[in-house]
Protein backbone atom coordinates (compact mmCIF):
# COMPACT_ATOMS: atom_id res chain seq x y z
CA UNK A 1 152.10 -73.14 185.43
CA UNK A 2 153.43 -73.39 181.79
CA UNK A 3 150.67 -71.56 180.02
CA UNK A 4 152.16 -71.58 176.64
CA UNK A 5 152.16 -75.31 176.78
CA UNK A 6 148.24 -75.54 177.70
CA UNK A 7 147.32 -72.82 174.76
CA UNK A 8 149.32 -75.37 172.54
CA UNK A 9 147.71 -78.21 173.53
CA UNK A 10 144.24 -76.52 173.60
CA UNK A 11 144.80 -75.32 169.96
CA UNK A 12 145.71 -78.33 169.05
CA UNK A 13 141.76 -79.52 169.43
CA UNK A 14 140.58 -76.49 169.02
CA UNK A 15 138.22 -75.68 165.93
CA UNK A 16 137.32 -71.98 165.48
CA UNK A 17 139.26 -69.36 164.49
CA UNK A 18 141.72 -68.87 166.86
CA UNK A 19 141.00 -64.71 166.99
CA UNK A 20 137.28 -65.54 166.65
CA UNK A 21 134.03 -64.10 168.93
CA UNK A 22 134.99 -66.50 171.48
CA UNK A 23 138.92 -67.15 170.84
CA UNK A 24 141.88 -66.21 172.66
CA UNK A 25 141.17 -62.37 172.73
CA UNK A 26 138.43 -63.09 174.61
CA UNK A 27 140.00 -65.65 176.67
CA UNK A 28 142.82 -62.74 177.66
CA UNK A 29 140.38 -60.64 178.39
CA UNK A 30 138.09 -63.20 180.96
CA UNK A 31 141.67 -63.85 182.85
CA UNK A 32 141.88 -59.96 182.95
CA UNK A 33 138.56 -58.99 184.19
CA UNK A 34 138.82 -62.06 186.76
CA UNK A 35 141.86 -60.18 188.17
CA UNK A 36 140.46 -56.61 188.52
CA UNK A 37 137.10 -58.64 190.51
CA UNK A 38 139.94 -60.36 192.46
CA UNK A 39 140.93 -57.75 193.91
CA UNK A 40 138.45 -57.74 196.17
CA UNK A 41 137.90 -61.03 197.06
CA UNK A 42 140.55 -63.75 198.10
CA UNK A 43 140.52 -66.65 195.40
CA UNK A 44 143.25 -68.51 193.84
CA UNK A 45 144.20 -66.73 190.89
CA UNK A 46 145.42 -69.80 189.35
CA UNK A 47 141.88 -70.69 189.04
CA UNK A 48 140.40 -67.81 187.12
CA UNK A 49 143.46 -67.93 184.92
CA UNK A 50 142.47 -71.75 184.15
CA UNK A 51 138.77 -70.32 183.94
CA UNK A 52 139.66 -68.29 181.23
CA UNK A 53 141.78 -70.90 179.16
CA UNK A 54 139.18 -73.99 179.34
CA UNK A 55 135.72 -72.35 179.82
CA UNK A 56 135.34 -71.96 175.52
CA UNK A 57 138.21 -74.11 174.47
CA UNK A 58 135.33 -76.79 173.07
CA UNK A 59 133.12 -74.98 171.34
CA UNK A 60 132.33 -75.80 168.26
CA UNK A 61 130.22 -73.13 166.99
CA UNK A 62 130.07 -69.30 167.94
CA UNK A 63 126.67 -69.37 168.03
CA UNK A 64 124.26 -71.92 171.04
CA UNK A 65 126.63 -74.82 171.44
CA UNK A 66 124.93 -76.36 174.88
CA UNK A 67 127.42 -78.45 176.36
CA UNK A 68 130.99 -76.62 175.33
CA UNK A 69 131.51 -75.40 179.70
CA UNK A 70 131.65 -78.91 180.16
CA UNK A 71 133.19 -80.27 177.06
CA UNK A 72 135.91 -77.67 178.62
CA UNK A 73 135.67 -78.62 181.93
CA UNK A 74 136.48 -82.17 180.86
CA UNK A 75 139.86 -81.12 179.01
CA UNK A 76 141.06 -79.18 181.82
CA UNK A 77 140.43 -82.54 183.61
CA UNK A 78 142.32 -84.58 180.97
CA UNK A 79 145.30 -81.27 180.95
CA UNK A 80 145.45 -81.75 185.35
CA UNK A 81 148.37 -83.47 186.38
CA UNK A 82 150.34 -82.93 183.10
CA UNK A 83 150.21 -79.39 182.47
CA UNK A 84 149.00 -78.33 185.59
CA UNK A 85 148.33 -79.03 189.12
CA UNK A 86 146.00 -78.16 191.66
CA UNK A 87 143.74 -80.11 194.49
CA UNK A 88 140.92 -81.52 194.45
CA UNK A 89 138.67 -78.66 195.99
CA UNK A 90 140.19 -76.25 193.67
CA UNK A 91 139.79 -78.01 190.71
CA UNK A 92 135.92 -78.49 191.74
CA UNK A 93 135.79 -74.83 191.47
CA UNK A 94 137.64 -75.13 188.09
CA UNK A 95 135.32 -77.91 186.36
CA UNK A 96 131.43 -76.27 187.91
CA UNK A 97 133.17 -72.53 187.19
CA UNK A 98 133.77 -73.74 183.37
CA UNK A 99 130.29 -76.43 182.98
CA UNK A 100 127.90 -73.84 184.67
CA UNK A 101 129.31 -70.93 182.77
CA UNK A 102 126.67 -70.17 180.55
CA UNK A 103 123.38 -71.26 182.42
CA UNK A 104 123.46 -68.07 184.02
CA UNK A 105 123.25 -69.07 187.54
CA UNK A 106 125.05 -66.32 190.45
CA UNK A 107 124.81 -68.52 193.85
CA UNK A 108 128.10 -70.10 193.87
CA UNK A 109 131.75 -70.65 195.66
CA UNK A 110 133.05 -66.69 195.63
CA UNK A 111 136.33 -68.30 193.13
CA UNK A 112 133.44 -69.48 190.66
CA UNK A 113 131.34 -65.88 190.83
CA UNK A 114 134.53 -63.77 189.85
CA UNK A 115 135.38 -66.41 187.18
CA UNK A 116 131.61 -65.85 185.85
CA UNK A 117 131.47 -62.26 186.05
CA UNK A 118 134.78 -62.42 184.28
CA UNK A 119 133.08 -63.71 181.20
CA UNK A 120 130.50 -61.90 181.29
CA UNK A 121 131.61 -59.23 181.27
CA UNK A 122 133.02 -59.43 177.96
CA UNK A 123 129.58 -59.92 176.44
CA UNK A 124 129.42 -56.71 174.27
CA UNK A 125 131.75 -59.19 171.79
CA UNK A 126 128.82 -60.64 171.08
CA UNK A 127 126.35 -57.55 170.73
CA UNK A 128 124.99 -58.74 174.80
CA UNK A 129 125.48 -55.39 177.45
CA UNK A 130 126.22 -57.35 180.52
CA UNK A 131 123.11 -57.19 182.57
CA UNK A 132 124.23 -56.59 186.53
CA UNK A 133 120.94 -58.54 187.42
CA UNK A 134 122.97 -61.44 185.93
CA UNK A 135 126.01 -60.68 187.58
CA UNK A 136 127.25 -62.20 190.84
CA UNK A 137 129.50 -59.59 192.70
CA UNK A 138 129.50 -56.25 193.42
CA UNK A 139 132.67 -55.19 192.08
CA UNK A 140 131.00 -56.19 188.87
CA UNK A 141 128.25 -54.87 188.80
CA UNK A 142 129.60 -51.49 189.52
CA UNK A 143 128.44 -49.20 186.45
CA UNK A 144 132.16 -48.44 186.19
CA UNK A 145 133.96 -51.70 185.91
CA UNK A 146 131.25 -52.33 183.27
CA UNK A 147 131.70 -49.59 181.53
CA UNK A 148 135.47 -50.19 181.37
CA UNK A 149 134.11 -54.00 180.44
CA UNK A 150 132.34 -53.11 177.21
CA UNK A 151 134.55 -50.99 175.88
CA UNK A 152 137.57 -52.75 176.20
CA UNK A 153 135.04 -55.65 174.39
CA UNK A 154 134.00 -53.33 171.73
CA UNK A 155 137.29 -52.94 170.97
CA UNK A 156 138.57 -56.31 170.86
CA UNK A 157 141.28 -55.14 173.37
CA UNK A 158 144.04 -58.22 173.97
CA UNK A 159 145.80 -57.32 177.13
CA UNK A 160 149.71 -56.26 176.36
CA UNK A 161 149.96 -57.73 179.87
CA UNK A 162 148.36 -60.59 179.67
CA UNK A 163 150.09 -61.59 175.88
CA UNK A 164 153.56 -61.36 177.05
CA UNK A 165 153.30 -63.66 180.51
CA UNK A 166 151.11 -66.18 177.80
CA UNK A 167 154.03 -65.60 175.44
CA UNK A 168 151.75 -64.91 172.51
CA UNK A 169 152.50 -62.48 170.02
CA UNK A 170 150.19 -59.49 168.99
CA UNK A 171 147.25 -61.31 166.29
CA UNK A 172 146.00 -59.19 163.61
CA UNK A 173 142.64 -58.26 164.79
CA UNK A 174 143.26 -57.77 168.08
CA UNK A 175 143.84 -54.13 169.59
CA UNK A 176 146.94 -54.17 172.66
CA UNK A 177 146.07 -51.97 175.79
């Protein structure tokens, strides 16, 4: 999967600040959160990566933005085949994870739950403390994991391991770890 090419295509249509509240460093933390959660559940890590990239890729503002998840899912659908390949079942999970990630749901396939938790663990960037009752997976509900994720969110950490894999230079507002 050519992540730099996917990011370039997403950036061409992205209307918000790239380094903003719902931008690239958030996506990187969501991906890293998802990888941590995936250590305890067998899921396709490519789906976690694609969710991180697409779930907020079509927001039109940093406030209430109904439908942005579905728009992100549709963007993923439009890039499928050209930028990445997934079997239909896996793509259906990706679409569901993106389209429904803001609904507060907790019941879904394990990979969808991991995606939703990965995003919800990064809510402190928007001054929202993650609520264990609104998380899906046992690992995400662990107070140590919540504390770890909140600190990274508070500091706007951009994980260096993700940055290098994604082929990115350090952004001016993001703290690298």
